[in-house]
Amino acid sequence: MQKYLSLSYLGSVSAIGVATCCVLPMAMMLLGLGGSWLAIFGKIVAAGFYVLAISTALVVLSWLVSHRRGSIARLKWWLVGSTVITGMAWVIVFNEARINDYLIMQM
């Protein structure tokens, strides 16, 4: 079961990384870091929805495996944490334009 939890968290962290690939550089520019390296993130954005879908599938698989083995009560908080991180990634992706507009207004 630990392998499924590790895969779930790995997928969740990669999903949040992909989701913030356009928001994070704008925030870093506000902090004074240069923006010439922003072109690197264009390739990551192309695979963003695939990474988010795989991450969501890994989280669902972890819930199903823990339910099948009867260990939801013991692993509930680990699974909830992974689910929350993946959910935050989806929220960031769907509100990316608004977040970027807000950050641009702050410049």
Protein backbone atom coordinates (compact mmCIF):
# COMPACT_ATOMS: atom_id res chain seq x y z
CA MET A 1 0.00 0.00 0.00
CA GLN A 2 2.90 2.33 0.66
CA LYS A 3 3.80 2.16 -3.04
CA TYR A 4 0.35 3.44 -4.00
CA LEU A 5 0.58 6.27 -1.48
CA SER A 6 4.00 7.23 -2.80
CA LEU A 7 2.73 7.21 -6.38
CA SER A 8 -0.30 9.21 -5.32
CA TYR A 9 1.85 11.91 -3.71
CA LEU A 10 4.31 11.91 -6.57
CA GLY A 11 1.43 12.43 -8.98
CA SER A 12 -0.06 15.16 -6.80
CA VAL A 13 3.19 17.06 -6.49
CA SER A 14 3.84 16.81 -10.22
CA ALA A 15 0.28 17.98 -10.87
CA ILE A 16 0.72 21.03 -8.66
CA GLY A 17 4.05 21.70 -10.38
CA VAL A 18 2.48 21.55 -13.82
CA ALA A 19 -0.47 23.64 -12.69
CA THR A 20 1.74 26.41 -11.39
CA CYS A 21 4.04 26.44 -14.38
CA CYS A 22 2.47 29.63 -15.72
CA VAL A 23 1.50 31.29 -12.45
CA LEU A 24 4.74 30.71 -10.57
CA PRO A 25 7.00 32.51 -13.09
CA MET A 26 4.76 35.58 -12.94
CA ALA A 27 4.95 35.56 -9.16
CA MET A 28 8.72 35.20 -9.32
CA MET A 29 8.94 38.16 -11.67
CA LEU A 30 7.05 40.19 -9.08
CA LEU A 31 9.74 39.24 -6.59
CA GLY A 32 12.40 40.67 -8.90
CA LEU A 33 13.64 37.59 -10.72
CA GLY A 34 14.17 37.96 -14.46
CA GLY A 35 11.68 36.68 -16.97
CA SER A 36 13.91 35.53 -19.81
CA TRP A 37 13.68 31.92 -18.64
CA LEU A 38 9.87 31.82 -19.03
CA ALA A 39 10.12 30.21 -22.48
CA ILE A 40 11.14 26.95 -20.80
CA PHE A 41 7.63 26.48 -19.42
CA GLY A 42 5.94 26.40 -22.84
CA LYS A 43 6.78 22.73 -23.34
CA ILE A 44 5.50 21.81 -19.89
CA VAL A 45 2.13 23.46 -20.52
CA ALA A 46 1.53 21.19 -23.52
CA ALA A 47 1.55 18.12 -21.27
CA GLY A 48 -0.23 19.76 -18.36
CA PHE A 49 -3.65 18.19 -18.74
CA TYR A 50 -2.15 14.76 -19.29
CA VAL A 51 -0.14 15.02 -16.07
CA LEU A 52 -3.22 16.23 -14.20
CA ALA A 53 -5.32 13.36 -15.54
CA ILE A 54 -2.68 10.78 -14.62
CA SER A 55 -2.33 12.31 -11.17
CA THR A 56 -6.09 12.17 -10.64
CA ALA A 57 -6.12 8.55 -11.76
CA LEU A 58 -3.33 7.71 -9.28
CA VAL A 59 -5.24 9.35 -6.44
CA VAL A 60 -8.42 7.45 -7.33
CA LEU A 61 -6.42 4.22 -7.60
CA SER A 62 -4.94 4.80 -4.14
CA TRP A 63 -8.40 5.33 -2.67
CA LEU A 64 -9.69 2.17 -4.37
CA VAL A 65 -6.75 0.01 -3.27
CA SER A 66 -6.99 1.22 0.32
CA HIS A 67 -10.74 0.59 0.31
CA ARG A 68 -10.25 -2.90 -1.10
CA ARG A 69 -7.64 -3.72 1.55
CA GLY A 70 -9.74 -2.17 4.32
CA SER A 71 -7.13 0.35 5.36
CA ILE A 72 -8.98 3.61 4.68
CA ALA A 73 -9.33 4.38 8.39
CA ARG A 74 -5.58 4.08 8.90
CA LEU A 75 -4.53 5.94 5.73
CA LYS A 76 -7.36 8.45 5.57
CA TRP A 77 -5.26 11.57 6.20
CA TRP A 78 -2.56 10.57 3.72
CA LEU A 79 -5.19 10.02 1.05
CA VAL A 80 -7.00 13.25 1.90
CA GLY A 81 -3.72 15.17 1.64
CA SER A 82 -3.01 13.76 -1.78
CA THR A 83 -6.56 14.48 -2.90
CA VAL A 84 -6.37 18.08 -1.67
CA ILE A 85 -3.08 18.71 -3.48
CA THR A 86 -4.49 17.33 -6.73
CA GLY A 87 -7.69 19.33 -6.26
CA MET A 88 -5.65 22.51 -5.76
CA ALA A 89 -3.83 21.76 -9.01
CA TRP A 90 -7.15 21.53 -10.87
CA VAL A 91 -8.36 24.79 -9.29
CA ILE A 92 -5.16 26.57 -10.31
CA VAL A 93 -5.40 25.27 -13.87
CA PHE A 94 -9.01 26.35 -14.28
CA ASN A 95 -8.33 29.80 -12.79
CA GLU A 96 -4.95 30.35 -14.39
CA ALA A 97 -6.04 33.28 -16.56
CA ARG A 98 -7.56 35.13 -13.60
CA ILE A 99 -4.50 34.53 -11.45
CA ASN A 100 -2.17 35.73 -14.22
CA ASP A 101 -4.30 38.84 -14.82
CA TYR A 102 -4.17 39.64 -11.12
CA LEU A 103 -0.41 39.19 -11.02
CA ILE A 104 0.04 41.36 -14.11
CA MET A 105 -2.01 44.11 -12.46
CA GLN A 106 0.38 43.98 -9.50
CA MET A 107 3.41 44.73 -11.70
